[in-house]
Amino acid sequence: MPRVREIEQDGGDATLAEIFKKERDAFGGLLNPTKVMAHCPPILRAAKALGASIEQSGQLPKSLPPLIYFRVASINGCPF
């Protein structure tokens, strides 16, 4: 059981609506960190922007981020 209530509906917030749609389109649902960070939409938007900027920076080989995501999911016992 999560200690912080997870938010799965945008409640009319334009920021959440945009982020939730993109994530549902990409993954078929919302990721748990998104549902928790949705309590503060500006922080959620900033966290998503940070992740995107790291991926798009060209500093990491394109094949590395998916391997990192897979490894972190494995460590945490989450399916990926």
N, C-alpha and C. Protein backbone atom coordinates (compact mmCIF):
# COMPACT_ATOMS: atom_id res chain seq x y z
N MET A 1 0.85 -1.18 0.00
CA MET A 1 0.00 0.00 0.00
C MET A 1 0.89 1.24 0.00
N PRO A 2 0.65 2.17 -0.92
CA PRO A 2 1.47 3.38 -0.97
C PRO A 2 1.22 4.27 0.24
N ARG A 3 2.25 4.94 0.68
CA ARG A 3 2.11 5.87 1.80
C ARG A 3 1.54 7.21 1.35
N VAL A 4 1.79 7.55 0.09
CA VAL A 4 1.26 8.78 -0.47
C VAL A 4 0.18 8.40 -1.47
N ARG A 5 -0.96 9.03 -1.36
CA ARG A 5 -2.07 8.73 -2.26
C ARG A 5 -1.65 9.02 -3.69
N GLU A 6 -1.89 8.06 -4.57
CA GLU A 6 -1.55 8.21 -5.97
C GLU A 6 -2.69 8.90 -6.70
N ILE A 7 -2.35 9.86 -7.56
CA ILE A 7 -3.35 10.61 -8.32
C ILE A 7 -3.39 10.05 -9.73
N GLU A 8 -4.57 9.62 -10.16
CA GLU A 8 -4.71 9.03 -11.48
C GLU A 8 -5.63 9.82 -12.41
N GLN A 9 -6.30 10.83 -11.88
CA GLN A 9 -7.18 11.68 -12.69
C GLN A 9 -6.62 13.10 -12.64
N ASP A 10 -6.70 13.80 -13.77
CA ASP A 10 -6.11 15.13 -13.83
C ASP A 10 -6.90 16.20 -13.08
N GLY A 11 -8.13 15.94 -12.74
CA GLY A 11 -8.93 16.89 -11.98
C GLY A 11 -9.09 18.24 -12.65
N GLY A 12 -8.97 18.27 -13.98
CA GLY A 12 -9.13 19.51 -14.71
C GLY A 12 -7.85 20.33 -14.83
N ASP A 13 -6.76 19.85 -14.27
CA ASP A 13 -5.49 20.57 -14.36
C ASP A 13 -4.86 20.34 -15.73
N ALA A 14 -4.60 21.41 -16.46
CA ALA A 14 -4.08 21.30 -17.84
C ALA A 14 -2.70 20.64 -17.88
N THR A 15 -1.85 20.93 -16.90
CA THR A 15 -0.52 20.32 -16.85
C THR A 15 -0.63 18.82 -16.67
N LEU A 16 -1.45 18.40 -15.72
CA LEU A 16 -1.62 16.97 -15.48
C LEU A 16 -2.26 16.29 -16.67
N ALA A 17 -3.24 16.93 -17.28
CA ALA A 17 -3.92 16.33 -18.44
C ALA A 17 -2.93 16.05 -19.55
N GLU A 18 -2.05 17.00 -19.83
CA GLU A 18 -1.05 16.84 -20.89
C GLU A 18 -0.06 15.71 -20.57
N ILE A 19 0.46 15.73 -19.36
CA ILE A 19 1.45 14.72 -18.96
C ILE A 19 0.81 13.34 -18.89
N PHE A 20 -0.36 13.25 -18.30
CA PHE A 20 -1.05 11.95 -18.19
C PHE A 20 -1.33 11.37 -19.57
N LYS A 21 -1.77 12.21 -20.51
CA LYS A 21 -2.06 11.71 -21.86
C LYS A 21 -0.80 11.15 -22.51
N LYS A 22 0.28 11.90 -22.45
CA LYS A 22 1.54 11.44 -23.05
C LYS A 22 1.99 10.11 -22.44
N GLU A 23 1.89 10.01 -21.13
CA GLU A 23 2.35 8.79 -20.46
C GLU A 23 1.44 7.61 -20.76
N ARG A 24 0.16 7.84 -20.78
CA ARG A 24 -0.77 6.75 -21.12
C ARG A 24 -0.57 6.29 -22.56
N ASP A 25 -0.31 7.24 -23.46
CA ASP A 25 -0.06 6.89 -24.86
C ASP A 25 1.23 6.07 -24.99
N ALA A 26 2.25 6.45 -24.22
CA ALA A 26 3.56 5.79 -24.32
C ALA A 26 3.59 4.44 -23.62
N PHE A 27 2.94 4.34 -22.45
CA PHE A 27 3.09 3.15 -21.61
C PHE A 27 1.79 2.39 -21.37
N GLY A 28 0.67 2.93 -21.81
CA GLY A 28 -0.60 2.27 -21.57
C GLY A 28 -1.18 2.55 -20.20
N GLY A 29 -0.52 3.35 -19.42
CA GLY A 29 -0.97 3.71 -18.08
C GLY A 29 -0.01 4.71 -17.48
N LEU A 30 -0.27 5.07 -16.24
CA LEU A 30 0.60 6.03 -15.57
C LEU A 30 1.64 5.30 -14.73
N LEU A 31 2.85 5.81 -14.74
CA LEU A 31 3.91 5.25 -13.91
C LEU A 31 3.72 5.74 -12.48
N ASN A 32 4.10 4.92 -11.51
CA ASN A 32 3.88 5.26 -10.11
C ASN A 32 4.52 6.59 -9.70
N PRO A 33 5.77 6.90 -10.12
CA PRO A 33 6.32 8.20 -9.73
C PRO A 33 5.49 9.37 -10.25
N THR A 34 4.91 9.21 -11.42
CA THR A 34 4.06 10.27 -11.97
C THR A 34 2.83 10.46 -11.10
N LYS A 35 2.23 9.36 -10.66
CA LYS A 35 1.03 9.45 -9.84
C LYS A 35 1.31 10.10 -8.49
N VAL A 36 2.51 9.93 -7.97
CA VAL A 36 2.87 10.54 -6.70
C VAL A 36 3.23 12.01 -6.89
N MET A 37 4.05 12.30 -7.91
CA MET A 37 4.45 13.69 -8.15
C MET A 37 3.30 14.56 -8.64
N ALA A 38 2.20 13.95 -9.05
CA ALA A 38 1.04 14.71 -9.53
C ALA A 38 0.44 15.58 -8.43
N HIS A 39 0.83 15.37 -7.18
CA HIS A 39 0.37 16.25 -6.11
C HIS A 39 0.85 17.68 -6.32
N CYS A 40 1.96 17.83 -7.05
CA CYS A 40 2.50 19.16 -7.33
C CYS A 40 2.85 19.22 -8.82
N PRO A 41 1.89 19.60 -9.67
CA PRO A 41 2.11 19.61 -11.11
C PRO A 41 3.36 20.34 -11.59
N PRO A 42 3.74 21.49 -10.99
CA PRO A 42 4.98 22.13 -11.47
C PRO A 42 6.22 21.28 -11.24
N ILE A 43 6.27 20.56 -10.13
CA ILE A 43 7.41 19.67 -9.87
C ILE A 43 7.37 18.49 -10.83
N LEU A 44 6.20 17.95 -11.09
CA LEU A 44 6.07 16.85 -12.04
C LEU A 44 6.56 17.28 -13.42
N ARG A 45 6.13 18.45 -13.86
CA ARG A 45 6.56 18.95 -15.18
C ARG A 45 8.08 19.12 -15.22
N ALA A 46 8.66 19.66 -14.15
CA ALA A 46 10.11 19.86 -14.10
C ALA A 46 10.86 18.53 -14.10
N ALA A 47 10.35 17.55 -13.38
CA ALA A 47 10.99 16.23 -13.34
C ALA A 47 10.95 15.57 -14.72
N LYS A 48 9.82 15.70 -15.39
CA LYS A 48 9.70 15.13 -16.75
C LYS A 48 10.65 15.85 -17.71
N ALA A 49 10.76 17.17 -17.56
CA ALA A 49 11.67 17.95 -18.43
C ALA A 49 13.12 17.56 -18.17
N LEU A 50 13.47 17.33 -16.92
CA LEU A 50 14.84 16.91 -16.59
C LEU A 50 15.16 15.57 -17.24
N GLY A 51 14.26 14.61 -17.10
CA GLY A 51 14.47 13.30 -17.72
C GLY A 51 14.60 13.40 -19.23
N ALA A 52 13.75 14.20 -19.85
CA ALA A 52 13.79 14.36 -21.30
C ALA A 52 15.09 15.04 -21.73
N SER A 53 15.55 16.03 -20.97
CA SER A 53 16.77 16.73 -21.35
C SER A 53 17.99 15.84 -21.24
N ILE A 54 18.00 14.95 -20.26
CA ILE A 54 19.11 14.00 -20.14
C ILE A 54 19.13 13.07 -21.34
N GLU A 55 17.96 12.55 -21.71
CA GLU A 55 17.89 11.65 -22.86
C GLU A 55 18.28 12.34 -24.16
N GLN A 56 17.89 13.60 -24.31
CA GLN A 56 18.12 14.31 -25.57
C GLN A 56 19.46 15.04 -25.62
N SER A 57 20.22 15.02 -24.54
CA SER A 57 21.46 15.78 -24.47
C SER A 57 22.55 15.24 -25.39
N GLY A 58 22.46 13.97 -25.72
CA GLY A 58 23.51 13.36 -26.53
C GLY A 58 24.73 12.96 -25.71
N GLN A 59 24.67 13.16 -24.41
CA GLN A 59 25.80 12.81 -23.54
C GLN A 59 25.86 11.31 -23.27
N LEU A 60 24.72 10.64 -23.38
CA LEU A 60 24.68 9.20 -23.19
C LEU A 60 24.41 8.52 -24.53
N PRO A 61 25.03 7.37 -24.77
CA PRO A 61 24.69 6.64 -25.98
C PRO A 61 23.20 6.31 -25.99
N LYS A 62 22.57 6.37 -27.15
CA LYS A 62 21.12 6.15 -27.26
C LYS A 62 20.68 4.80 -26.69
N SER A 63 21.56 3.81 -26.74
CA SER A 63 21.19 2.48 -26.25
C SER A 63 21.28 2.36 -24.73
N LEU A 64 21.91 3.32 -24.05
CA LEU A 64 22.13 3.20 -22.61
C LEU A 64 20.89 3.48 -21.76
N PRO A 65 20.11 4.55 -21.98
CA PRO A 65 18.96 4.80 -21.09
C PRO A 65 17.99 3.61 -20.96
N PRO A 66 17.61 2.93 -22.06
CA PRO A 66 16.72 1.78 -21.86
C PRO A 66 17.33 0.69 -20.98
N LEU A 67 18.64 0.50 -21.07
CA LEU A 67 19.30 -0.49 -20.22
C LEU A 67 19.29 -0.04 -18.76
N ILE A 68 19.47 1.25 -18.54
CA ILE A 68 19.41 1.78 -17.17
C ILE A 68 18.00 1.60 -16.61
N TYR A 69 17.00 1.94 -17.40
CA TYR A 69 15.61 1.79 -16.94
C TYR A 69 15.31 0.33 -16.60
N PHE A 70 15.77 -0.57 -17.45
CA PHE A 70 15.53 -2.00 -17.22
C PHE A 70 16.22 -2.46 -15.93
N ARG A 71 17.45 -2.03 -15.73
CA ARG A 71 18.21 -2.44 -14.55
C ARG A 71 17.56 -1.91 -13.27
N VAL A 72 17.16 -0.65 -13.28
CA VAL A 72 16.51 -0.07 -12.11
C VAL A 72 15.19 -0.79 -11.81
N ALA A 73 14.43 -1.09 -12.86
CA ALA A 73 13.17 -1.83 -12.67
C ALA A 73 13.45 -3.20 -12.08
N SER A 74 14.51 -3.86 -12.56
CA SER A 74 14.86 -5.18 -12.05
C SER A 74 15.25 -5.12 -10.58
N ILE A 75 16.05 -4.13 -10.22
CA ILE A 75 16.47 -3.97 -8.81
C ILE A 75 15.25 -3.76 -7.92
N ASN A 76 14.28 -3.02 -8.42
CA ASN A 76 13.09 -2.72 -7.63
C ASN A 76 11.99 -3.77 -7.73
N GLY A 77 12.25 -4.83 -8.50
CA GLY A 77 11.27 -5.89 -8.63
C GLY A 77 10.05 -5.49 -9.44
N CYS A 78 10.22 -4.55 -10.37
CA CYS A 78 9.11 -4.08 -11.19
C CYS A 78 9.23 -4.62 -12.60
N PRO A 79 8.12 -5.02 -13.21
CA PRO A 79 8.19 -5.43 -14.61
C PRO A 79 8.46 -4.21 -15.48
N PHE A 80 9.14 -4.42 -16.57
CA PHE A 80 9.44 -3.30 -17.47
C PHE A 80 9.01 -3.66 -18.86
